C-alpha atoms as a PDB file:
ATOM      1  CA  MET A   1      -0.021  -0.031  -0.029  1.00  0.00           C
ATOM      2  CA  GLY A   2       1.375   3.370  -0.891  1.00  0.00           C
ATOM      3  CA  SER A   3       3.926   2.327  -3.482  1.00  0.00           C
ATOM      4  CA  ASP A   4       1.584   2.339  -6.387  1.00  0.00           C
ATOM      5  CA  GLY A   5       0.492   5.946  -5.650  1.00  0.00           C
ATOM      6  CA  SER A   6       4.084   7.277  -5.452  1.00  0.00           C
ATOM      7  CA  ILE A   7       5.123   5.517  -8.663  1.00  0.00           C
ATOM      8  CA  ASP A   8       2.064   6.982 -10.426  1.00  0.00           C
ATOM      9  CA  ALA A   9       2.808  10.418  -8.978  1.00  0.00           C
ATOM     10  CA  ASN A  10       6.402  10.206 -10.233  1.00  0.00           C
ATOM     11  CA  LEU A  11       5.141   9.512 -13.703  1.00  0.00           C
ATOM     12  CA  ILE A  12       2.501  12.162 -13.752  1.00  0.00           C
ATOM     13  CA  LEU A  13       4.234  14.991 -11.807  1.00  0.00           C
ATOM     14  CA  CYS A  14       7.865  14.409 -12.795  1.00  0.00           C
ATOM     15  CA  GLU A  15       8.907  15.639  -9.391  1.00  0.00           C
ATOM     16  CA  GLN A  16      10.198  13.282  -6.660  1.00  0.00           C
ATOM     17  CA  TYR A  17       9.373  15.507  -3.682  1.00  0.00           C
ATOM     18  CA  MET A  18       5.766  16.126  -4.768  1.00  0.00           C
ATOM     19  CA  SER A  19       5.200  12.382  -5.214  1.00  0.00           C
ATOM     20  CA  ILE A  20       6.402  11.795  -1.678  1.00  0.00           C
ATOM     21  CA  VAL A  21       4.125  14.507  -0.223  1.00  0.00           C
ATOM     22  CA  MET A  22       1.062  13.589  -2.147  1.00  0.00           C
ATOM     23  CA  THR A  23       1.444   9.801  -1.367  1.00  0.00           C
ATOM     24  CA  ARG A  24       1.898  10.630   2.216  1.00  0.00           C
ATOM     25  CA  LYS A  25      -1.309  12.620   2.346  1.00  0.00           C
ATOM     26  CA  MET A  26      -3.178   9.972   0.426  1.00  0.00           C
ATOM     27  CA  TYR A  27      -2.211   6.937   2.539  1.00  0.00           C
ATOM     28  CA  SER A  28      -1.178   8.159   6.037  1.00  0.00           C
ATOM     29  CA  GLN A  29      -4.706   7.703   7.419  1.00  0.00           C
ATOM     30  CA  ALA A  30      -4.996   4.178   5.927  1.00  0.00           C
ATOM     31  CA  TYR A  31      -1.787   3.189   7.787  1.00  0.00           C
ATOM     32  CA  ARG A  32      -3.127   4.616  11.043  1.00  0.00           C
ATOM     33  CA  ASP A  33      -6.469   2.865  10.679  1.00  0.00           C
ATOM     34  CA  LYS A  34      -4.809  -0.507  10.146  1.00  0.00           C
ATOM     35  CA  GLY A  35      -2.510   0.111  13.152  1.00  0.00           C
ATOM     36  CA  LEU A  36       0.656   0.070  11.197  1.00  0.00           C
ATOM     37  CA  HIS A  37       3.743   1.847  12.568  1.00  0.00           C
ATOM     38  CA  ALA A  38       4.757   5.035  10.892  1.00  0.00           C
ATOM     39  CA  LYS A  39       8.233   3.542  10.374  1.00  0.00           C
ATOM     40  CA  ASN A  40       6.651   1.103   7.961  1.00  0.00           C
ATOM     41  CA  PHE A  41       4.979   3.866   6.030  1.00  0.00           C
ATOM     42  CA  SER A  42       8.165   5.857   5.781  1.00  0.00           C
ATOM     43  CA  ARG A  43       9.970   2.843   4.462  1.00  0.00           C
ATOM     44  CA  ALA A  44       7.323   2.162   1.829  1.00  0.00           C
ATOM     45  CA  LEU A  45       7.633   5.779   0.642  1.00  0.00           C
ATOM     46  CA  GLU A  46      11.340   5.593   0.568  1.00  0.00           C
ATOM     47  CA  ASP A  47      11.451   2.298  -1.366  1.00  0.00           C
ATOM     48  CA  SER A  48       8.957   3.514  -3.997  1.00  0.00           C
ATOM     49  CA  ALA A  49       8.993   7.240  -4.519  1.00  0.00           C
ATOM     50  CA  THR A  50      12.770   7.889  -4.360  1.00  0.00           C
ATOM     51  CA  VAL A  51      13.862   4.850  -6.273  1.00  0.00           C
ATOM     52  CA  THR A  52      11.452   5.140  -9.144  1.00  0.00           C
ATOM     53  CA  ALA A  53      12.015   8.858  -9.569  1.00  0.00           C
ATOM     54  CA  ASN A  54      15.301   8.021 -11.456  1.00  0.00           C
ATOM     55  CA  LEU A  55      13.329   5.998 -13.996  1.00  0.00           C
ATOM     56  CA  VAL A  56      11.311   8.907 -15.241  1.00  0.00           C
ATOM     57  CA  PRO A  57      13.298  10.847 -17.974  1.00  0.00           C
ATOM     58  CA  LYS A  58      12.196  14.403 -17.162  1.00  0.00           C
ATOM     59  CA  ASN A  59      12.239  14.074 -13.421  1.00  0.00           C
ATOM     60  CA  SER A  60      14.174  16.623 -11.392  1.00  0.00           C
END
């Protein structure tokens, strides 16, 4: 959960930082509702948003 949103945001926005912020806003409540630790959410964002940003040609 969370990784698909950040990959899509990277492709659409072509901006790594915006994909992290938007994905955090979209999925943070879902992680809280399921009782998952914030550390897991941070790791999911790191593993998806920052790594896939390099695959988008016009990304900053």
